[in-house]
């Protein structure tokens, strides 16, 4: 993972973001993570997000049908 991240980072595979990837996202300045697949973040990644106070939306909350954001 590079040291800079775009405004939106797409991740589609299951268990793709591990603890070290999560630390890299935090270090790069991420403010929030919303899963867009079936659990792409491993449990240790979620723990890192929580430890650093990032907003985290698991796939069941952020990837449901008929979600509207205004």
PDB file of N, CA and C in Angstrom:
ATOM      1  N   UNK A   1       0.855  -1.176   0.000  1.00  0.00           N
ATOM      2  CA  UNK A   1       0.000   0.000   0.000  1.00  0.00           C
ATOM      3  C   UNK A   1       0.897   1.235   0.000  1.00  0.00           C
ATOM      4  N   UNK A   2       0.566   2.226  -0.792  1.00  0.00           N
ATOM      5  CA  UNK A   2       1.390   3.431  -0.881  1.00  0.00           C
ATOM      6  C   UNK A   2       1.180   4.307   0.354  1.00  0.00           C
ATOM      7  N   UNK A   3       2.034   5.310   0.524  1.00  0.00           N
ATOM      8  CA  UNK A   3       1.935   6.187   1.692  1.00  0.00           C
ATOM      9  C   UNK A   3       0.878   7.265   1.524  1.00  0.00           C
ATOM     10  N   UNK A   4       0.308   7.392   0.349  1.00  0.00           N
ATOM     11  CA  UNK A   4      -0.787   8.335   0.140  1.00  0.00           C
ATOM     12  C   UNK A   4      -2.011   7.559  -0.331  1.00  0.00           C
ATOM     13  N   UNK A   5      -3.167   8.061   0.026  1.00  0.00           N
ATOM     14  CA  UNK A   5      -4.396   7.394  -0.391  1.00  0.00           C
ATOM     15  C   UNK A   5      -5.291   8.407  -1.085  1.00  0.00           C
ATOM     16  N   UNK A   6      -6.088   7.957  -2.017  1.00  0.00           N
ATOM     17  CA  UNK A   6      -7.023   8.867  -2.679  1.00  0.00           C
ATOM     18  C   UNK A   6      -8.183   9.193  -1.747  1.00  0.00           C
ATOM     19  N   UNK A   7      -9.041  10.112  -2.160  1.00  0.00           N
ATOM     20  CA  UNK A   7     -10.213  10.453  -1.352  1.00  0.00           C
ATOM     21  C   UNK A   7     -11.118   9.246  -1.146  1.00  0.00           C
ATOM     22  N   UNK A   8     -11.191   8.388  -2.141  1.00  0.00           N
ATOM     23  CA  UNK A   8     -11.989   7.164  -2.049  1.00  0.00           C
ATOM     24  C   UNK A   8     -11.092   6.001  -2.421  1.00  0.00           C
ATOM     25  N   UNK A   9     -11.059   5.003  -1.555  1.00  0.00           N
ATOM     26  CA  UNK A   9     -10.238   3.819  -1.773  1.00  0.00           C
ATOM     27  C   UNK A   9     -11.172   2.617  -1.852  1.00  0.00           C
ATOM     28  N   UNK A  10     -11.190   1.914  -2.974  1.00  0.00           N
ATOM     29  CA  UNK A  10     -12.091   0.784  -3.172  1.00  0.00           C
ATOM     30  C   UNK A  10     -11.381  -0.514  -2.848  1.00  0.00           C
ATOM     31  N   UNK A  11     -12.078  -1.359  -2.119  1.00  0.00           N
ATOM     32  CA  UNK A  11     -11.550  -2.673  -1.781  1.00  0.00           C
ATOM     33  C   UNK A  11     -12.669  -3.685  -1.920  1.00  0.00           C
ATOM     34  N   UNK A  12     -12.464  -4.714  -2.720  1.00  0.00           N
ATOM     35  CA  UNK A  12     -13.553  -5.624  -3.051  1.00  0.00           C
ATOM     36  C   UNK A  12     -13.379  -7.049  -2.552  1.00  0.00           C
ATOM     37  N   UNK A  13     -12.212  -7.439  -2.123  1.00  0.00           N
ATOM     38  CA  UNK A  13     -11.978  -8.827  -1.753  1.00  0.00           C
ATOM     39  C   UNK A  13     -12.179  -9.048  -0.250  1.00  0.00           C
ATOM     40  N   UNK A  14     -12.559 -10.249   0.112  1.00  0.00           N
ATOM     41  CA  UNK A  14     -12.746 -10.591   1.518  1.00  0.00           C
ATOM     42  C   UNK A  14     -11.393 -10.748   2.202  1.00  0.00           C
ATOM     43  N   UNK A  15     -11.297 -10.234   3.430  1.00  0.00           N
ATOM     44  CA  UNK A  15     -10.082 -10.341   4.252  1.00  0.00           C
ATOM     45  C   UNK A  15      -8.841  -9.796   3.551  1.00  0.00           C
ATOM     46  N   UNK A  16      -8.984  -8.668   2.879  1.00  0.00           N
ATOM     47  CA  UNK A  16      -7.858  -8.095   2.142  1.00  0.00           C
ATOM     48  C   UNK A  16      -7.083  -7.058   2.970  1.00  0.00           C
ATOM     49  N   UNK A  17      -7.754  -6.332   3.845  1.00  0.00           N
ATOM     50  CA  UNK A  17      -7.088  -5.295   4.637  1.00  0.00           C
ATOM     51  C   UNK A  17      -6.751  -5.878   6.004  1.00  0.00           C
ATOM     52  N   UNK A  18      -5.444  -6.013   6.274  1.00  0.00           N
ATOM     53  CA  UNK A  18      -5.016  -6.557   7.564  1.00  0.00           C
ATOM     54  C   UNK A  18      -4.567  -5.425   8.484  1.00  0.00           C
ATOM     55  N   UNK A  19      -4.018  -5.762   9.619  1.00  0.00           N
ATOM     56  CA  UNK A  19      -3.616  -4.753  10.596  1.00  0.00           C
ATOM     57  C   UNK A  19      -2.568  -3.781  10.070  1.00  0.00           C
ATOM     58  N   UNK A  20      -1.589  -4.282   9.335  1.00  0.00           N
ATOM     59  CA  UNK A  20      -0.546  -3.379   8.816  1.00  0.00           C
ATOM     60  C   UNK A  20      -1.111  -2.453   7.734  1.00  0.00           C
ATOM     61  N   UNK A  21      -2.038  -2.953   6.924  1.00  0.00           N
ATOM     62  CA  UNK A  21      -2.698  -2.090   5.942  1.00  0.00           C
ATOM     63  C   UNK A  21      -3.526  -1.016   6.642  1.00  0.00           C
ATOM     64  N   UNK A  22      -4.196  -1.404   7.714  1.00  0.00           N
ATOM     65  CA  UNK A  22      -4.996  -0.445   8.475  1.00  0.00           C
ATOM     66  C   UNK A  22      -4.110   0.642   9.071  1.00  0.00           C
ATOM     67  N   UNK A  23      -2.962   0.245   9.606  1.00  0.00           N
ATOM     68  CA  UNK A  23      -2.014   1.232  10.143  1.00  0.00           C
ATOM     69  C   UNK A  23      -1.555   2.187   9.044  1.00  0.00           C
ATOM     70  N   UNK A  24      -1.325   1.661   7.839  1.00  0.00           N
ATOM     71  CA  UNK A  24      -0.912   2.505   6.713  1.00  0.00           C
ATOM     72  C   UNK A  24      -2.017   3.500   6.348  1.00  0.00           C
ATOM     73  N   UNK A  25      -3.272   3.059   6.382  1.00  0.00           N
ATOM     74  CA  UNK A  25      -4.388   3.971   6.104  1.00  0.00           C
ATOM     75  C   UNK A  25      -4.457   5.078   7.157  1.00  0.00           C
ATOM     76  N   UNK A  26      -4.278   4.713   8.417  1.00  0.00           N
ATOM     77  CA  UNK A  26      -4.277   5.709   9.496  1.00  0.00           C
ATOM     78  C   UNK A  26      -3.139   6.702   9.287  1.00  0.00           C
ATOM     79  N   UNK A  27      -1.947   6.174   9.024  1.00  0.00           N
ATOM     80  CA  UNK A  27      -0.771   7.027   8.829  1.00  0.00           C
ATOM     81  C   UNK A  27      -0.950   7.974   7.643  1.00  0.00           C
ATOM     82  N   UNK A  28      -1.662   7.514   6.615  1.00  0.00           N
ATOM     83  CA  UNK A  28      -1.884   8.329   5.418  1.00  0.00           C
ATOM     84  C   UNK A  28      -2.989   9.366   5.614  1.00  0.00           C
ATOM     85  N   UNK A  29      -3.663   9.322   6.767  1.00  0.00           N
ATOM     86  CA  UNK A  29      -4.652  10.352   7.052  1.00  0.00           C
ATOM     87  C   UNK A  29      -6.101   9.970   6.826  1.00  0.00           C
ATOM     88  N   UNK A  30      -6.382   8.680   6.718  1.00  0.00           N
ATOM     89  CA  UNK A  30      -7.777   8.262   6.530  1.00  0.00           C
ATOM     90  C   UNK A  30      -8.624   8.732   7.708  1.00  0.00           C
ATOM     91  N   UNK A  31      -9.836   9.137   7.415  1.00  0.00           N
ATOM     92  CA  UNK A  31     -10.770   9.603   8.448  1.00  0.00           C
ATOM     93  C   UNK A  31     -11.890   8.599   8.689  1.00  0.00           C
ATOM     94  N   UNK A  32     -12.231   7.812   7.658  1.00  0.00           N
ATOM     95  CA  UNK A  32     -13.338   6.864   7.764  1.00  0.00           C
ATOM     96  C   UNK A  32     -13.113   5.701   6.814  1.00  0.00           C
ATOM     97  N   UNK A  33     -13.662   4.559   7.191  1.00  0.00           N
ATOM     98  CA  UNK A  33     -13.616   3.372   6.350  1.00  0.00           C
ATOM     99  C   UNK A  33     -15.021   2.790   6.293  1.00  0.00           C
ATOM    100  N   UNK A  34     -15.519   2.607   5.088  1.00  0.00           N
ATOM    101  CA  UNK A  34     -16.811   1.961   4.880  1.00  0.00           C
ATOM    102  C   UNK A  34     -16.583   0.765   3.964  1.00  0.00           C
ATOM    103  N   UNK A  35     -16.827  -0.413   4.473  1.00  0.00           N
ATOM    104  CA  UNK A  35     -16.602  -1.609   3.674  1.00  0.00           C
ATOM    105  C   UNK A  35     -17.564  -1.630   2.492  1.00  0.00           C
ATOM    106  N   UNK A  36     -17.034  -1.971   1.336  1.00  0.00           N
ATOM    107  CA  UNK A  36     -17.853  -2.058   0.138  1.00  0.00           C
ATOM    108  C   UNK A  36     -17.935  -3.470  -0.394  1.00  0.00           C
ATOM    109  N   UNK A  37     -17.555  -4.428   0.435  1.00  0.00           N
ATOM    110  CA  UNK A  37     -17.578  -5.836   0.041  1.00  0.00           C
ATOM    111  C   UNK A  37     -17.955  -6.657   1.263  1.00  0.00           C
ATOM    112  N   UNK A  38     -17.918  -7.959   1.118  1.00  0.00           N
ATOM    113  CA  UNK A  38     -18.231  -8.850   2.220  1.00  0.00           C
ATOM    114  C   UNK A  38     -17.015  -8.998   3.124  1.00  0.00           C
ATOM    115  N   UNK A  39     -16.926  -8.172   4.116  1.00  0.00           N
ATOM    116  CA  UNK A  39     -15.873  -8.197   5.130  1.00  0.00           C
ATOM    117  C   UNK A  39     -14.447  -8.127   4.568  1.00  0.00           C
ATOM    118  N   UNK A  40     -14.093  -7.062   3.839  1.00  0.00           N
ATOM    119  CA  UNK A  40     -12.727  -6.964   3.344  1.00  0.00           C
ATOM    120  C   UNK A  40     -11.713  -6.654   4.444  1.00  0.00           C
ATOM    121  N   UNK A  41     -12.185  -6.133   5.572  1.00  0.00           N
ATOM    122  CA  UNK A  41     -11.279  -5.795   6.669  1.00  0.00           C
ATOM    123  C   UNK A  41     -11.206  -6.946   7.658  1.00  0.00           C
ATOM    124  N   UNK A  42      -9.991  -7.387   7.931  1.00  0.00           N
ATOM    125  CA  UNK A  42      -9.784  -8.453   8.901  1.00  0.00           C
ATOM    126  C   UNK A  42     -10.024  -7.877  10.304  1.00  0.00           C
ATOM    127  N   UNK A  43     -10.319  -8.717  11.288  1.00  0.00           N
ATOM    128  CA  UNK A  43     -10.595  -8.220  12.640  1.00  0.00           C
ATOM    129  C   UNK A  43      -9.494  -7.327  13.213  1.00  0.00           C
ATOM    130  N   UNK A  44      -8.230  -7.644  12.929  1.00  0.00           N
ATOM    131  CA  UNK A  44      -7.155  -6.794  13.457  1.00  0.00           C
ATOM    132  C   UNK A  44      -7.160  -5.415  12.808  1.00  0.00           C
ATOM    133  N   UNK A  45      -7.630  -5.311  11.582  1.00  0.00           N
ATOM    134  CA  UNK A  45      -7.752  -4.001  10.925  1.00  0.00           C
ATOM    135  C   UNK A  45      -8.841  -3.178  11.603  1.00  0.00           C
ATOM    136  N   UNK A  46      -9.955  -3.815  11.905  1.00  0.00           N
ATOM    137  CA  UNK A  46     -11.042  -3.116  12.598  1.00  0.00           C
ATOM    138  C   UNK A  46     -10.559  -2.617  13.949  1.00  0.00           C
ATOM    139  N   UNK A  47      -9.773  -3.422  14.657  1.00  0.00           N
ATOM    140  CA  UNK A  47      -9.227  -3.009  15.958  1.00  0.00           C
ATOM    141  C   UNK A  47      -8.336  -1.774  15.813  1.00  0.00           C
ATOM    142  N   UNK A  48      -7.546  -1.713  14.747  1.00  0.00           N
ATOM    143  CA  UNK A  48      -6.693  -0.545  14.501  1.00  0.00           C
ATOM    144  C   UNK A  48      -7.564   0.685  14.247  1.00  0.00           C
ATOM    145  N   UNK A  49      -8.596   0.543  13.425  1.00  0.00           N
ATOM    146  CA  UNK A  49      -9.486   1.674  13.155  1.00  0.00           C
ATOM    147  C   UNK A  49     -10.104   2.185  14.444  1.00  0.00           C
ATOM    148  N   UNK A  50     -10.577   1.282  15.280  1.00  0.00           N
ATOM    149  CA  UNK A  50     -11.204   1.670  16.542  1.00  0.00           C
ATOM    150  C   UNK A  50     -10.199   2.325  17.479  1.00  0.00           C
ATOM    151  N   UNK A  51      -8.996   1.772  17.542  1.00  0.00           N
ATOM    152  CA  UNK A  51      -7.940   2.319  18.396  1.00  0.00           C
ATOM    153  C   UNK A  51      -7.627   3.771  18.036  1.00  0.00           C
ATOM    154  N   UNK A  52      -7.659   4.082  16.747  1.00  0.00           N
ATOM    155  CA  UNK A  52      -7.311   5.427  16.279  1.00  0.00           C
ATOM    156  C   UNK A  52      -8.527   6.328  16.076  1.00  0.00           C
ATOM    157  N   UNK A  53      -9.714   5.838  16.416  1.00  0.00           N
ATOM    158  CA  UNK A  53     -10.907   6.672  16.351  1.00  0.00           C
ATOM    159  C   UNK A  53     -11.454   6.928  14.954  1.00  0.00           C
ATOM    160  N   UNK A  54     -11.100   6.076  13.987  1.00  0.00           N
ATOM    161  CA  UNK A  54     -11.661   6.246  12.642  1.00  0.00           C
ATOM    162  C   UNK A  54     -13.124   5.827  12.651  1.00  0.00           C
ATOM    163  N   UNK A  55     -13.918   6.496  11.857  1.00  0.00           N
ATOM    164  CA  UNK A  55     -15.288   6.054  11.641  1.00  0.00           C
ATOM    165  C   UNK A  55     -15.214   4.778  10.829  1.00  0.00           C
ATOM    166  N   UNK A  56     -15.938   3.748  11.243  1.00  0.00           N
ATOM    167  CA  UNK A  56     -15.904   2.470  10.547  1.00  0.00           C
ATOM    168  C   UNK A  56     -17.316   1.975  10.341  1.00  0.00           C
ATOM    169  N   UNK A  57     -17.662   1.677   9.098  1.00  0.00           N
ATOM    170  CA  UNK A  57     -18.970   1.117   8.761  1.00  0.00           C
ATOM    171  C   UNK A  57     -18.750  -0.263   8.159  1.00  0.00           C
ATOM    172  N   UNK A  58     -19.155  -1.314   8.869  1.00  0.00           N
ATOM    173  CA  UNK A  58     -19.000  -2.654   8.316  1.00  0.00           C
ATOM    174  C   UNK A  58     -19.885  -2.856   7.094  1.00  0.00           C
ATOM    175  N   UNK A  59     -19.546  -3.852   6.291  1.00  0.00           N
ATOM    176  CA  UNK A  59     -20.266  -4.103   5.049  1.00  0.00           C
ATOM    177  C   UNK A  59     -21.763  -4.268   5.218  1.00  0.00           C
ATOM    178  N   UNK A  60     -22.197  -4.899   6.309  1.00  0.00           N
ATOM    179  CA  UNK A  60     -23.636  -5.099   6.513  1.00  0.00           C
ATOM    180  C   UNK A  60     -24.362  -3.764   6.668  1.00  0.00           C
ATOM    181  N   UNK A  61     -23.668  -2.744   7.138  1.00  0.00           N
ATOM    182  CA  UNK A  61     -24.288  -1.429   7.306  1.00  0.00           C
ATOM    183  C   UNK A  61     -24.098  -0.542   6.079  1.00  0.00           C
ATOM    184  N   UNK A  62     -22.941  -0.629   5.449  1.00  0.00           N
ATOM    185  CA  UNK A  62     -22.634   0.306   4.362  1.00  0.00           C
ATOM    186  C   UNK A  62     -22.895  -0.259   2.969  1.00  0.00           C
ATOM    187  N   UNK A  63     -23.143  -1.538   2.864  1.00  0.00           N
ATOM    188  CA  UNK A  63     -23.247  -2.161   1.555  1.00  0.00           C
ATOM    189  C   UNK A  63     -24.614  -2.818   1.346  1.00  0.00           C
ATOM    190  N   UNK A  64     -25.623  -2.341   2.041  1.00  0.00           N
ATOM    191  CA  UNK A  64     -26.966  -2.900   1.885  1.00  0.00           C
ATOM    192  C   UNK A  64     -27.652  -2.365   0.652  1.00  0.00           C
ATOM    193  N   UNK A  65     -28.742  -2.986   0.296  1.00  0.00           N
ATOM    194  CA  UNK A  65     -29.525  -2.518  -0.848  1.00  0.00           C
ATOM    195  C   UNK A  65     -30.249  -1.224  -0.506  1.00  0.00           C
ATOM    196  N   UNK A  66     -30.412  -0.395  -1.513  1.00  0.00           N
ATOM    197  CA  UNK A  66     -31.233   0.819  -1.405  1.00  0.00           C
ATOM    198  C   UNK A  66     -30.743   1.813  -0.366  1.00  0.00           C
ATOM    199  N   UNK A  67     -29.434   2.010  -0.284  1.00  0.00           N
ATOM    200  CA  UNK A  67     -28.904   3.026   0.619  1.00  0.00           C
ATOM    201  C   UNK A  67     -28.853   4.340  -0.134  1.00  0.00           C
ATOM    202  N   UNK A  68     -29.339   5.382   0.489  1.00  0.00           N
ATOM    203  CA  UNK A  68     -29.329   6.714  -0.112  1.00  0.00           C
ATOM    204  C   UNK A  68     -28.563   7.652   0.794  1.00  0.00           C
ATOM    205  N   UNK A  69     -27.596   8.362   0.245  1.00  0.00           N
ATOM    206  CA  UNK A  69     -26.813   9.327   1.013  1.00  0.00           C
ATOM    207  C   UNK A  69     -27.091  10.707   0.443  1.00  0.00           C
ATOM    208  N   UNK A  70     -27.502  11.615   1.298  1.00  0.00           N
ATOM    209  CA  UNK A  70     -27.803  12.983   0.866  1.00  0.00           C
ATOM    210  C   UNK A  70     -26.864  13.948   1.519  1.00  0.00           C
TER     211      UNK A  70
END
